[in-house]
N, C-alpha and C. Protein backbone atom coordinates (compact mmCIF):
# COMPACT_ATOMS: atom_id res chain seq x y z
N UNK A 1 -21.57 -13.07 -8.20
CA UNK A 1 -22.20 -11.91 -8.02
C UNK A 1 -21.45 -10.91 -6.42
N UNK A 2 -21.21 -9.97 -7.19
CA UNK A 2 -20.56 -8.92 -6.11
C UNK A 2 -21.61 -8.45 -4.71
N UNK A 3 -21.63 -8.32 -3.78
CA UNK A 3 -22.39 -8.07 -2.52
C UNK A 3 -21.62 -6.42 -2.38
N UNK A 4 -22.32 -5.68 -1.72
CA UNK A 4 -21.98 -4.36 -1.58
C UNK A 4 -21.89 -4.43 -0.06
N UNK A 5 -21.20 -3.56 1.12
CA UNK A 5 -21.07 -3.62 2.42
C UNK A 5 -22.60 -3.36 2.71
N UNK A 6 -23.43 -2.93 2.28
CA UNK A 6 -25.02 -2.11 2.52
C UNK A 6 -25.28 -3.01 2.62
N UNK A 7 -25.63 -3.74 1.58
CA UNK A 7 -26.44 -5.31 1.10
C UNK A 7 -26.30 -6.31 2.50
N UNK A 8 -24.52 -6.54 2.80
CA UNK A 8 -24.19 -7.44 4.05
C UNK A 8 -24.74 -6.57 4.98
N UNK A 9 -25.47 -5.64 5.52
CA UNK A 9 -25.49 -4.77 6.48
C UNK A 9 -27.21 -4.86 6.00
N UNK A 10 -27.36 -5.55 5.66
CA UNK A 10 -29.04 -5.49 5.30
C UNK A 10 -29.43 -6.68 5.80
N UNK A 11 -28.21 -7.36 4.92
CA UNK A 11 -29.21 -8.88 5.66
C UNK A 11 -28.65 -9.34 7.14
N UNK A 12 -27.58 -8.36 7.76
CA UNK A 12 -27.38 -8.55 9.14
C UNK A 12 -28.49 -8.48 10.02
N UNK A 13 -28.82 -7.33 9.11
CA UNK A 13 -29.96 -7.02 10.52
C UNK A 13 -30.85 -7.52 10.68
N UNK A 14 -30.97 -8.14 9.02
CA UNK A 14 -32.77 -8.83 8.74
C UNK A 14 -32.83 -10.04 9.83
N UNK A 15 -31.31 -10.84 9.30
CA UNK A 15 -31.35 -12.12 9.80
C UNK A 15 -30.17 -12.15 11.31
N UNK A 16 -29.70 -11.44 11.63
CA UNK A 16 -28.51 -11.34 12.14
C UNK A 16 -27.09 -12.48 11.88
N UNK A 17 -26.81 -12.25 13.06
CA UNK A 17 -25.35 -13.42 12.13
C UNK A 17 -25.42 -14.86 12.22
N UNK A 18 -24.65 -15.23 10.91
CA UNK A 18 -25.37 -16.71 10.48
C UNK A 18 -23.91 -17.49 10.31
N UNK A 19 -24.23 -18.56 10.26
CA UNK A 19 -22.72 -19.17 9.50
C UNK A 19 -22.27 -18.52 8.17
N UNK A 20 -22.98 -17.99 7.50
CA UNK A 20 -22.13 -16.84 6.27
C UNK A 20 -21.96 -15.65 6.68
N UNK A 21 -22.43 -14.70 7.72
CA UNK A 21 -22.16 -13.33 7.91
C UNK A 21 -21.53 -13.30 9.36
N UNK A 22 -20.85 -12.88 9.79
CA UNK A 22 -20.60 -12.27 10.88
C UNK A 22 -19.79 -10.47 11.11
N UNK A 23 -20.44 -9.64 12.45
CA UNK A 23 -20.03 -8.94 12.12
C UNK A 23 -18.74 -9.07 13.31
N UNK A 24 -17.38 -8.27 13.62
CA UNK A 24 -17.19 -7.85 14.25
C UNK A 24 -16.34 -6.49 14.92
N UNK A 25 -16.17 -5.80 15.67
CA UNK A 25 -15.77 -4.51 16.17
C UNK A 25 -14.53 -4.82 15.53
N UNK A 26 -13.48 -5.21 16.34
CA UNK A 26 -12.05 -5.76 15.36
C UNK A 26 -11.16 -4.09 15.48
N UNK A 27 -10.79 -3.39 16.05
CA UNK A 27 -9.80 -2.49 16.38
C UNK A 27 -8.68 -3.26 15.85
N UNK A 28 -8.83 -4.55 16.50
CA UNK A 28 -6.85 -5.28 15.79
C UNK A 28 -7.46 -6.69 15.64
N UNK A 29 -6.70 -7.06 14.48
CA UNK A 29 -6.54 -8.75 14.14
C UNK A 29 -6.49 -9.42 15.53
N UNK A 30 -7.86 -10.22 16.12
CA UNK A 30 -7.33 -10.68 17.78
C UNK A 30 -7.79 -12.06 17.56
N UNK A 31 -7.77 -13.24 18.08
CA UNK A 31 -8.50 -14.34 18.04
C UNK A 31 -9.66 -14.68 17.62
N UNK A 32 -10.56 -13.74 17.58
CA UNK A 32 -11.77 -14.12 17.44
C UNK A 32 -11.68 -14.05 16.07
N UNK A 33 -10.77 -12.80 15.33
CA UNK A 33 -11.45 -12.84 13.68
C UNK A 33 -10.64 -13.70 13.64
N UNK A 34 -9.47 -14.28 13.68
CA UNK A 34 -8.83 -15.09 13.12
C UNK A 34 -9.78 -16.56 13.07
N UNK A 35 -10.04 -16.66 14.33
CA UNK A 35 -10.84 -17.65 14.46
C UNK A 35 -12.28 -18.14 13.37
N UNK A 36 -12.43 -16.79 12.86
CA UNK A 36 -14.12 -16.60 12.77
C UNK A 36 -13.29 -16.82 10.96
N UNK A 37 -12.09 -16.64 10.84
CA UNK A 37 -11.75 -16.83 9.20
C UNK A 37 -10.96 -17.66 9.31
N UNK A 38 -10.80 -18.67 9.84
CA UNK A 38 -10.40 -19.98 9.90
C UNK A 38 -11.71 -21.11 9.52
N UNK A 39 -13.21 -20.67 10.34
CA UNK A 39 -13.96 -21.44 10.61
C UNK A 39 -14.84 -21.11 8.96
N UNK A 40 -14.27 -20.08 8.07
CA UNK A 40 -15.31 -19.19 6.93
C UNK A 40 -14.52 -20.52 5.72
N UNK A 41 -12.92 -20.86 5.80
CA UNK A 41 -12.26 -20.76 5.05
C UNK A 41 -12.43 -22.64 5.53
N UNK A 42 -13.01 -23.51 6.62
CA UNK A 42 -12.91 -24.85 6.70
C UNK A 42 -13.52 -25.56 6.97
N UNK A 43 -15.03 -25.07 6.29
CA UNK A 43 -16.44 -25.49 6.63
C UNK A 43 -16.56 -25.87 5.35
N UNK A 44 -16.78 -27.58 5.24
CA UNK A 44 -17.22 -27.88 3.65
C UNK A 44 -18.35 -27.38 3.30
N UNK A 45 -17.97 -26.96 1.97
CA UNK A 45 -19.19 -26.94 1.05
C UNK A 45 -20.31 -25.12 1.29
N UNK A 46 -19.46 -24.51 2.28
CA UNK A 46 -19.62 -23.54 2.53
C UNK A 46 -19.22 -22.63 1.60
N UNK A 47 -18.33 -22.26 1.39
CA UNK A 47 -17.12 -21.44 0.33
C UNK A 47 -16.95 -20.38 0.87
N UNK A 48 -16.52 -19.98 2.22
CA UNK A 48 -16.22 -18.95 2.39
C UNK A 48 -17.81 -18.11 3.28
N UNK A 49 -17.12 -17.08 3.66
CA UNK A 49 -18.42 -16.15 4.09
C UNK A 49 -17.70 -14.97 4.44
N UNK A 50 -18.69 -13.87 4.95
CA UNK A 50 -18.69 -12.43 4.28
C UNK A 50 -18.19 -11.88 6.43
N UNK A 51 -17.07 -11.69 6.49
CA UNK A 51 -16.88 -10.91 7.87
C UNK A 51 -16.87 -9.07 7.80
N UNK A 52 -18.27 -8.81 8.25
CA UNK A 52 -17.91 -7.02 8.20
C UNK A 52 -17.05 -6.70 9.94
N UNK A 53 -15.82 -5.71 9.53
CA UNK A 53 -15.41 -5.64 10.72
C UNK A 53 -15.41 -4.03 10.54
N UNK A 54 -15.64 -3.78 11.68
CA UNK A 54 -16.09 -2.39 12.62
C UNK A 54 -17.70 -1.70 12.63
N UNK A 55 -18.17 -3.09 12.70
CA UNK A 55 -19.85 -3.31 12.92
C UNK A 55 -19.80 -4.29 14.47
N UNK A 56 -20.82 -3.05 15.16
CA UNK A 56 -20.85 -3.89 16.45
C UNK A 56 -22.81 -4.12 16.60
N UNK A 57 -22.71 -4.95 17.52
CA UNK A 57 -24.10 -4.79 17.90
C UNK A 57 -24.67 -3.61 18.89
N UNK A 58 -25.80 -2.45 18.69
CA UNK A 58 -26.42 -1.62 18.96
C UNK A 58 -27.16 -2.74 20.86
N UNK A 59 -26.27 -1.80 21.27
CA UNK A 59 -26.17 -2.62 23.02
C UNK A 59 -27.71 -1.81 23.46
N UNK A 60 -28.05 -0.55 22.62
CA UNK A 60 -28.93 -0.18 23.31
C UNK A 60 -30.58 -0.41 22.77
N UNK A 61 -30.33 -1.54 21.95
CA UNK A 61 -31.48 -2.08 21.22
C UNK A 61 -31.70 -3.21 21.60
N UNK A 62 -32.47 -3.62 22.57
CA UNK A 62 -32.23 -5.13 22.92
C UNK A 62 -32.83 -6.51 22.65
N UNK A 63 -34.12 -5.38 21.61
CA UNK A 63 -35.51 -6.19 20.83
C UNK A 63 -35.16 -6.77 19.95
N UNK A 64 -34.16 -6.35 18.79
CA UNK A 64 -34.21 -6.40 17.26
C UNK A 64 -32.39 -6.77 17.30
N UNK A 65 -32.40 -6.72 15.39
CA UNK A 65 -30.96 -7.17 15.35
C UNK A 65 -30.10 -6.31 14.80
N UNK A 66 -30.17 -4.81 15.72
CA UNK A 66 -29.44 -3.82 15.56
C UNK A 66 -28.28 -3.64 15.87
N UNK A 67 -27.69 -3.38 14.63
CA UNK A 67 -26.34 -3.17 14.20
C UNK A 67 -25.72 -1.48 14.08
N UNK A 68 -24.46 -1.32 14.54
CA UNK A 68 -24.07 -0.41 13.80
C UNK A 68 -23.09 0.31 13.55
N UNK A 69 -22.63 0.84 12.92
CA UNK A 69 -21.44 0.74 12.36
C UNK A 69 -20.48 1.61 12.98
N UNK A 70 -19.29 1.06 13.49
CA UNK A 70 -18.22 1.87 14.11
C UNK A 70 -16.79 2.70 13.88
N UNK A 71 -16.97 1.39 12.72
CA UNK A 71 -15.76 2.33 11.96
C UNK A 71 -14.66 2.03 12.30
N UNK A 72 -13.40 2.16 11.61
CA UNK A 72 -11.99 2.02 11.93
C UNK A 72 -11.25 2.62 11.47
N UNK A 73 -10.12 3.15 12.81
CA UNK A 73 -9.19 3.76 12.92
C UNK A 73 -8.52 3.62 11.11
N UNK A 74 -7.86 3.17 11.30
CA UNK A 74 -6.82 2.59 10.12
C UNK A 74 -6.33 1.39 9.46
N UNK A 75 -7.87 1.72 8.62
CA UNK A 75 -8.21 0.41 7.92
C UNK A 75 -6.93 -0.04 6.57
N UNK A 76 -6.45 0.57 6.61
CA UNK A 76 -5.08 0.19 5.97
C UNK A 76 -3.82 -0.80 6.84
N UNK A 77 -3.90 -0.40 8.25
CA UNK A 77 -3.14 -1.33 8.52
C UNK A 77 -3.91 -2.85 9.15
N UNK A 78 -5.05 -2.51 9.37
CA UNK A 78 -5.93 -3.89 9.88
C UNK A 78 -6.04 -4.23 8.25
N UNK A 79 -5.98 -4.01 7.25
CA UNK A 79 -5.67 -5.12 6.09
C UNK A 79 -4.89 -5.12 6.15
N UNK A 80 -3.53 -4.85 6.25
CA UNK A 80 -2.30 -4.73 5.82
C UNK A 80 -2.04 -6.09 7.19
N UNK A 81 -2.44 -6.19 8.41
CA UNK A 81 -1.89 -7.11 9.64
C UNK A 81 -2.83 -7.90 9.11
N UNK A 82 -3.96 -8.25 8.82
CA UNK A 82 -5.00 -10.06 8.60
C UNK A 82 -4.84 -10.38 7.60
N UNK A 83 -4.16 -9.70 5.65
CA UNK A 83 -3.22 -10.45 5.19
C UNK A 83 -2.25 -11.12 5.77
N UNK A 84 -1.01 -10.59 6.62
CA UNK A 84 -0.15 -10.68 6.68
C UNK A 84 -0.47 -12.31 8.02
N UNK A 85 -1.66 -11.89 8.71
CA UNK A 85 -1.30 -13.18 9.88
C UNK A 85 -2.54 -14.00 8.49
N UNK A 86 -3.08 -13.77 7.86
CA UNK A 86 -3.78 -15.32 6.78
C UNK A 86 -2.41 -16.33 6.05
């Protein structure tokens, strides 16, 4: 089943980050992003996970799982960098 970004954002807000879904602001492919990808790839029986890039926790909302879409300035470069590092 193909999951949309909207579906994943709804799950993120409803359940917060989990072993299946993580959100990263990710202005660049850094150590944190690569650690998450390695964890998704190496967890036995998990079958991967979902990494939402350009999304961060809303610092203004202290009492719920509020996330906001920050976006990515150059998604083509970020995708290329991610592919080359994987």
